[in-house]
Amino acid sequence: MEPDGDLNPDTDDLPLRANTNHILVRHYVLDLTVHFDRKVISGNVVLFLEPCSGSGTTAEEDSGAGAGTKEAGVSQGAFVCRPRNVDEVEDGTKGRVETPTRMEKKCGAKERDTPEFQALPGIALAQTAAETENIQSSYLWETTSDGDFTLTLDCCDIDVSKVEEVDVTSVSATSGLLLEVKSEKSVVSSVNHQAAFIQNLISMPSSRWRQKQQLFLLCSRALGAQDGSSLHFQRDKWSLQVRKKGVASPHEFPRALRICYETRPAGGSVRWTKDQDDRVCVYTAGSPINNRALFPCQEPPVAMSTWQATVRAPSECVVLMSGEEPAIPFEDGDTRSLIWNYYVTMPMPASTFTLAVGHWRQVTAENPPALDKLSSGPGEWAEADLMSGLGSSISEEVKGSPLKTGSRDQTTRSDSSFCYSSHEDGGLSVTDYSGMVDDGISCSHGDYPCRFTEQSARSQRVIPHRVFGPVCLLQKAQMGVLALLPRCLAAAHTVLGVHPFPRLDVLIVPAGFSSLGMASPHIIFLSQSVLCAGSLGSEENGLSLCGSRICHEIAHSWFGLVIGARDWTEEWISEGFATYLEDIIWAQAQQLSLQETAEQSDLNALLRWRRLSDELQNSEQALQILRPNMENTGQVSESGSSTVKHALNPDKTFMQVHYLKGYFLLRFLASQVGEKQFTDFFRVFVKKYHGQLILSQDFLHMLLITCPDMERKGLTLSDIYADWLDRPGIPKWLYERNAVWSQAKLVEEVKAEVVKWILLSQSHQGKGRKRKRTEPKVNYKEVTSEQLVMLLELLLEEEQLSVATLRALQRTYNLQNQDAEVKHRWCELVVKHAYTRAYGDVEHFLVHDQAMGVYLYGELMVQEDPEQQALARRCLSLIQEEMDQSARRVVEEMIL
């Protein structure tokens, strides 16, 4: 990605331009239409704003990224349970509301022809010149002055057609709420009724979340301000700036505004591609720029907000999204589209908003998936479920208890919605982590419907869940993901307690997805590389990669989502914690004994040590630091803007230092405290900090207070910073522990097998080829998939392996049908020793396991073998159109 012109060109930092210290978006209402023919998403987003207390800042003082810094205030977040909404607050309370179709016309393509959407002189909508394509403004922008307050939003690769103030007084229900709140002696004071109403709406208690959501929707569909004037805006590469002429402070700025826009086909926030069935799809890619190319928003984590979204998509498509209840689509009367509605009541950063639209099918547990139909049409939903408004809930009968939800009571059973499990009440626990903490929870976050305070949520070990994917992978997803989910969810509950979210969808994403998984509220994306590995001697062994990855992503519900990093540079708070917890949760899901758990943990630690050691030897030192901002972590400019250090560095995308070094820091702390006590501490920490943003010091300080023996041993906060967080390289403790892990039982078993293979290879050296040889009979011990990874890594250290040995390896372990981690090491062996008979395995891996194959291209090229280089180029040509763009750039640099 090219650096912005007004940034230091020598840096690779991502700018966060939103002035969150002046004004905050508290709620988004999105109304979007997916256009597969043009590869764009069009529509509008309505922002409900609240000026920050004490932010009487005039525009002269609001100069964007100022020189002075201060610590970003912790936005007291919130989380969620089970909302439902309709277009009307009560019968007979309809407001002056735009219908979705009229709203789309209002903000659609025709707006481009109006004076308000004229770009700067000489710039067409479909800009082509590199120096102008990222600049756009309303024609009256130049009439505003620097004395006017500027709302700055993070935004790129979006064409904005109009920004207008929303006239919320046109909704008849608003006056009732305003009078009601005034009668309760609301402390809100405002210069006008609209500002007072929005403030009262934002401040409604969580006990009235349903009415609150309904009012947000009604307001979002109201007309623009009565004077008909649009707000003035300007967009550069990284931001959208909005002004109202004559308004000099955040408190005078409109509290509700609508932005009409259209994304660009090459926008970095979403991927337009084809799934494994060769059907078109689009999904949020989790890219370094997050969602700013999907909708204008406030990206800094402190800008915690709720949202609701209406998405129109072709009738044969499924729309999956972050949302507390599954959407029941209904037909759009004017088009062939279906309309899907989702919402959340838990304030979260805008970066966690997730969307996926495609021709996916739901995996069912009862029967093998039918392959004759690619998607369900609208006729397969019950007519009663095709409701307008915010959607209606699919209520389920769980163990005979009907749930009541929605705007009316209803008891229905969905034929193909959520799966429930006998793990709900059954005993899975081998290690009981739940006894050390009492059930009383006193929330420290802001007011929202919190699952941690619900008695029913505390005993819900398995939340409702669904799995979706392309037809060709449904059977594998059924055997692996759907079968493992209940066990992994129950194990996570045993280890960490209350599930932060009320439901979970899992989607098998297209092959070009750049990682093995990505967790978002209510939805997980999984790479096809983690699916079960075909015919194996041990079914459980073949599911190891799938199970551990599911546990990793589920762990993010607690660390990464319900508890997030206040400073994005501290990725280890999310990834290090999830990596550490995946071992504990997966061992619990497998019902391993304490000894088996310890043995598996030591083997995993050694594998990760080898990976980290190799990565640190081949990367810049600046990218090896877990807290790159050091003592300035969490600080922002006067306006709230900041930068994310190294976020745009292409090498960082494929580094695992935050996963691995963060994991080892937690292992170090566990060794000081005791593993059982350390895991117990996680539950205590979650109870205190759920719904909030943290820095490293919050976790470490609470740990030192809770476990005073650490300080008595001489371990201080400054020691942890110095050894683990603020410097590159490997801490001394890790070198020492590596020697211990290298002698672990499972590792010693692998070493014994490696010796057998080396001796076999040596027996082939120097022998003639004419005489037919009898292969020596060797009894090879059965190994787990993790042991097999270690075995292949140790064999990679050998300078020579005979062709006969490689052939025997492939046959003995059925390597081409193992999981992706094993296949990766096998392909490295094939490339190193130019084993041409297995080049087909390399090609298959590069095409089907794109999330793991990037650096294998480099190994093919560095050998300077013409056949291997031709293989690399052929594989790139086969998949370059579907590849993740960051991966494609890295591979093209290697090859070209």
Foldseek 3Di string as FASTA:
>chain_A
DQDDPPDDNVFQWFWQFFLVQFKFFAEKEAEWEQDLVQQKIFAKIKTFMDTHPPFQDFLVVCPTFDPDWDFDDWAQWFFFAFEFEFQALDPPQFFQFADSVRRCVVQDDVLCPDQQFDFPPPAHQPGDDPVPNFKGWGPCQVVADSRWHKGKWWAAQKRWRFKFFFDLVRRRCQVVLLVVCVVVVDPDDAPDSQNSSSVSLSPDFQVPVHSSVNSVVRSVRGDGDPVPDTWIWMGGHTIIMTTDHPHTGSRPDRRMMMITIMGHNPDQQKDWDAFPVRWTKMKGQLALSACNRVDTHRAQFSSWYWYKYKYKYAQQKDKDWQAQAFALWAQDPVDNTTITMGIIFITTGPSLTIIMMTQKDWFDQPDQDDLPDRGDGNVVDDPVQRGDGRGAHDWDQDPNNTDAHYPGGDGDHDPAFWDDDPLLPDDLFPDQLPPPDDLDFDEPGDGHPWLSPDPVQQSRQAATEIEMEGSVCSNLCNLAVVVLRSLLSNLCCRLATGQRGRYAYEYAGHLQRQAQWDAHRRYIYGHPLQTFQPDAPDRVLSNVSVQLVSNLRSQLSQFPTQERASAVLLCLSRQQRSLLRSLSSSCSSVSPHPVVSVLVVLLVLLVLVVVLVVLLVPDDFCLLANQNVQPCGSMGRPSRMDIRGSSSPLVSVPDCNSNRLSNVLLVVVCVQQPVSVSSSVSNVVSSHAGSIYDHPCVVVVVVCVVRVVCVVVVDDPVNCCVQRHHGGDHHPVSVVVSVVSCPRPLNVLLVVQLVVLVVQQVVPPPDDDPDDDDRDDDDRDDHRPSSLLVNLVVVLVDQDGDLVSLVCVCVVRVQLRGRLSSLVSNLLVCLSHVNVVCLVSVLCCVQRNVNPCLCVLLSLVVVVDVVSLVSSVVSCVVCVVPHDPSSNVSSVVSND
